[in-house]
Protein backbone atom coordinates (compact mmCIF):
# COMPACT_ATOMS: atom_id res chain seq x y z
CA MET A 1 27.24 192.00 56.32
CA PRO A 2 27.59 190.13 59.60
CA ARG A 3 24.54 189.48 61.74
CA ILE A 4 26.45 190.46 64.86
CA PRO A 5 28.16 193.81 64.36
CA VAL A 6 31.86 193.73 65.05
CA LEU A 7 33.16 196.37 67.40
CA GLU A 8 35.97 198.68 66.49
CA PRO A 9 39.07 198.16 68.66
CA GLN A 10 38.40 201.38 70.59
CA GLU A 11 34.86 200.12 71.38
CA LEU A 12 36.09 196.89 72.99
CA PRO A 13 36.05 196.59 76.78
CA GLN A 14 39.42 197.45 78.34
CA GLU A 15 40.49 193.84 78.97
CA MET A 16 39.50 192.85 75.44
CA ARG A 17 41.37 195.80 73.98
CA ALA A 18 44.60 194.61 75.58
CA LEU A 19 44.03 191.04 74.35
CA HIS A 20 43.19 192.35 70.87
CA GLU A 21 46.42 194.36 70.74
CA GLU A 22 48.41 191.30 71.83
CA LEU A 23 46.67 189.15 69.22
CA VAL A 24 47.48 191.71 66.52
CA ARG A 25 51.12 191.57 67.58
CA VAL A 26 51.18 187.76 67.52
CA THR A 27 49.24 187.19 64.30
CA SER A 28 50.10 190.35 62.34
CA ASN A 29 46.39 190.62 61.53
CA PRO A 30 45.06 194.05 62.50
CA ARG A 31 41.44 193.12 61.77
CA ASN A 32 40.79 190.05 63.96
CA GLU A 33 37.05 190.03 63.31
CA VAL A 34 36.54 187.08 65.66
CA VAL A 35 37.76 189.03 68.67
CA ARG A 36 35.87 192.11 67.60
CA GLY A 37 32.71 190.06 67.08
CA PHE A 38 33.01 188.50 70.51
CA GLY A 39 33.59 191.94 72.02
CA HIS A 40 29.93 191.86 73.00
CA ARG A 41 30.68 188.77 75.13
CA PRO A 42 34.23 189.21 76.43
CA GLU A 43 33.88 186.38 78.94
CA VAL A 44 33.49 183.94 76.04
CA ILE A 45 36.63 184.85 74.11
CA ALA A 46 38.93 186.01 76.94
CA GLY A 47 39.66 182.49 78.22
CA PHE A 48 40.37 181.22 74.73
CA LEU A 49 42.74 184.10 74.01
CA ARG A 50 44.64 183.53 77.26
CA PHE A 51 45.24 180.00 75.94
CA PHE A 52 45.75 180.83 72.25
CA ILE A 53 48.16 183.79 72.42
CA PRO A 54 50.94 181.94 74.31
CA LEU A 55 50.33 178.88 72.14
CA ARG A 56 50.72 180.94 68.98
CA SER A 57 53.65 183.09 70.07
CA GLY A 58 55.64 180.91 72.46
CA GLY A 59 57.46 177.63 72.21
CA LEU A 60 60.65 176.25 70.77
CA LEU A 61 59.62 176.34 67.10
CA GLY A 62 59.68 179.49 65.03
CA SER A 63 56.50 181.00 63.60
CA ARG A 64 57.37 180.02 60.03
CA LEU A 65 57.91 176.37 60.92
CA LYS A 66 54.68 176.28 62.95
CA GLU A 67 52.74 177.59 59.98
CA LEU A 68 54.35 175.05 57.65
CA LEU A 69 53.36 172.31 60.10
CA ARG A 70 49.77 173.60 60.20
CA LEU A 71 49.62 173.53 56.42
CA ARG A 72 51.09 170.02 56.27
CA VAL A 73 48.63 168.68 58.85
CA ALA A 74 45.76 170.30 56.96
CA ALA A 75 46.90 168.69 53.72
CA LEU A 76 47.36 165.26 55.30
CA THR A 77 43.94 165.31 56.98
CA GLY A 78 42.04 166.66 53.99
CA CYS A 79 41.24 169.96 55.66
CA TRP A 80 42.70 171.94 52.83
CA GLY A 81 40.65 175.02 51.83
């Protein structure tokens, strides 16, 4: 059980709800506990999400290739699970 209760999407502040929905679309992860956990402090996570969402969804490379690159970098740097 987390020390900080995560909010349900409908409990998030309006701005966070929109960012959460966009993040779900980009990551295909409907849970996104990090965003829901930071729902108590939207000013902390909102700036990061404004940076992260375009980084994750935009660009010239496809999503599959980006993920393969992340995995390769993790393997090469010893950051493998």
